[in-house]
Amino acid sequence: MTRRVTMAVTAALVAALIAFDLAASASPNPFQAPPLLALGSGQAASGAHCAALPTAD
């Protein structure tokens, strides 16, 4: 295969993947998304190693 054929096949597969994703999923609601940075907002971190506070067992 030549580079042009490989590039065309790759571009077609990426376009098909994007089209499938747009058709299969609902658009995101920015008002329900968590904040990117919650510095000083009072919200506790969750879902990461920083949220696993040490326990006094």
C-alpha atoms as a PDB file:
ATOM      1  CA  MET A   1       0.000   0.000   0.000  1.00  0.00           C
ATOM      2  CA  THR A   2       1.210   3.450  -0.720  1.00  0.00           C
ATOM      3  CA  ARG A   3       1.215   6.309   1.720  1.00  0.00           C
ATOM      4  CA  ARG A   4      -1.746   7.984   0.061  1.00  0.00           C
ATOM      5  CA  VAL A   5      -3.883   4.885   0.255  1.00  0.00           C
ATOM      6  CA  THR A   6      -2.895   4.314   3.882  1.00  0.00           C
ATOM      7  CA  MET A   7      -3.651   7.948   4.736  1.00  0.00           C
ATOM      8  CA  ALA A   8      -7.007   7.813   2.949  1.00  0.00           C
ATOM      9  CA  VAL A   9      -8.030   4.612   4.728  1.00  0.00           C
ATOM     10  CA  THR A  10      -6.944   6.017   8.099  1.00  0.00           C
ATOM     11  CA  ALA A  11      -8.791   9.302   7.512  1.00  0.00           C
ATOM     12  CA  ALA A  12     -11.930   7.407   6.467  1.00  0.00           C
ATOM     13  CA  LEU A  13     -11.799   5.226   9.586  1.00  0.00           C
ATOM     14  CA  VAL A  14     -11.321   8.249  11.853  1.00  0.00           C
ATOM     15  CA  ALA A  15     -14.222  10.052  10.145  1.00  0.00           C
ATOM     16  CA  ALA A  16     -16.405   6.948  10.528  1.00  0.00           C
ATOM     17  CA  LEU A  17     -15.507   6.682  14.210  1.00  0.00           C
ATOM     18  CA  ILE A  18     -16.352  10.350  14.813  1.00  0.00           C
ATOM     19  CA  ALA A  19     -19.632  10.017  12.900  1.00  0.00           C
ATOM     20  CA  PHE A  20     -20.582   6.895  14.892  1.00  0.00           C
ATOM     21  CA  ASP A  21     -19.738   8.604  18.183  1.00  0.00           C
ATOM     22  CA  LEU A  22     -21.801  11.684  17.320  1.00  0.00           C
ATOM     23  CA  ALA A  23     -24.757   9.537  16.248  1.00  0.00           C
ATOM     24  CA  ALA A  24     -24.646   7.151  19.216  1.00  0.00           C
ATOM     25  CA  SER A  25     -24.161   9.569  22.084  1.00  0.00           C
ATOM     26  CA  ALA A  26     -26.137  12.472  23.436  1.00  0.00           C
ATOM     27  CA  SER A  27     -24.580  15.888  23.533  1.00  0.00           C
ATOM     28  CA  PRO A  28     -22.982  16.778  26.860  1.00  0.00           C
ATOM     29  CA  ASN A  29     -24.762  19.161  29.205  1.00  0.00           C
ATOM     30  CA  PRO A  30     -22.206  21.721  30.396  1.00  0.00           C
ATOM     31  CA  PHE A  31     -24.415  22.667  33.359  1.00  0.00           C
ATOM     32  CA  GLN A  32     -24.196  19.151  34.837  1.00  0.00           C
ATOM     33  CA  ALA A  33     -20.465  18.699  34.302  1.00  0.00           C
ATOM     34  CA  PRO A  34     -18.169  18.865  37.323  1.00  0.00           C
ATOM     35  CA  PRO A  35     -15.878  21.893  37.494  1.00  0.00           C
ATOM     36  CA  LEU A  36     -12.396  21.478  36.046  1.00  0.00           C
ATOM     37  CA  LEU A  37     -10.831  23.277  38.985  1.00  0.00           C
ATOM     38  CA  ALA A  38     -12.731  23.416  42.263  1.00  0.00           C
ATOM     39  CA  LEU A  39     -10.224  25.432  44.235  1.00  0.00           C
ATOM     40  CA  GLY A  40     -11.864  26.874  47.313  1.00  0.00           C
ATOM     41  CA  SER A  41     -15.357  25.820  46.293  1.00  0.00           C
ATOM     42  CA  GLY A  42     -15.889  23.526  49.271  1.00  0.00           C
ATOM     43  CA  GLN A  43     -16.415  20.489  47.048  1.00  0.00           C
ATOM     44  CA  ALA A  44     -14.561  17.395  48.223  1.00  0.00           C
ATOM     45  CA  ALA A  45     -12.354  15.500  45.830  1.00  0.00           C
ATOM     46  CA  SER A  46     -13.612  12.080  44.793  1.00  0.00           C
ATOM     47  CA  GLY A  47     -12.503   9.217  42.619  1.00  0.00           C
ATOM     48  CA  ALA A  48      -8.755   9.621  42.902  1.00  0.00           C
ATOM     49  CA  HIS A  49      -5.930   8.737  45.226  1.00  0.00           C
ATOM     50  CA  CYS A  50      -6.117  12.187  46.798  1.00  0.00           C
ATOM     51  CA  ALA A  51      -9.662  11.422  47.952  1.00  0.00           C
ATOM     52  CA  ALA A  52      -8.588   8.333  49.901  1.00  0.00           C
ATOM     53  CA  LEU A  53      -7.943   9.923  53.255  1.00  0.00           C
ATOM     54  CA  PRO A  54      -5.944   7.939  55.785  1.00  0.00           C
ATOM     55  CA  THR A  55      -7.955   6.224  58.487  1.00  0.00           C
ATOM     56  CA  ALA A  56      -6.963   5.801  62.126  1.00  0.00           C
ATOM     57  CA  ASP A  57      -7.443   2.027  62.458  1.00  0.00           C
END
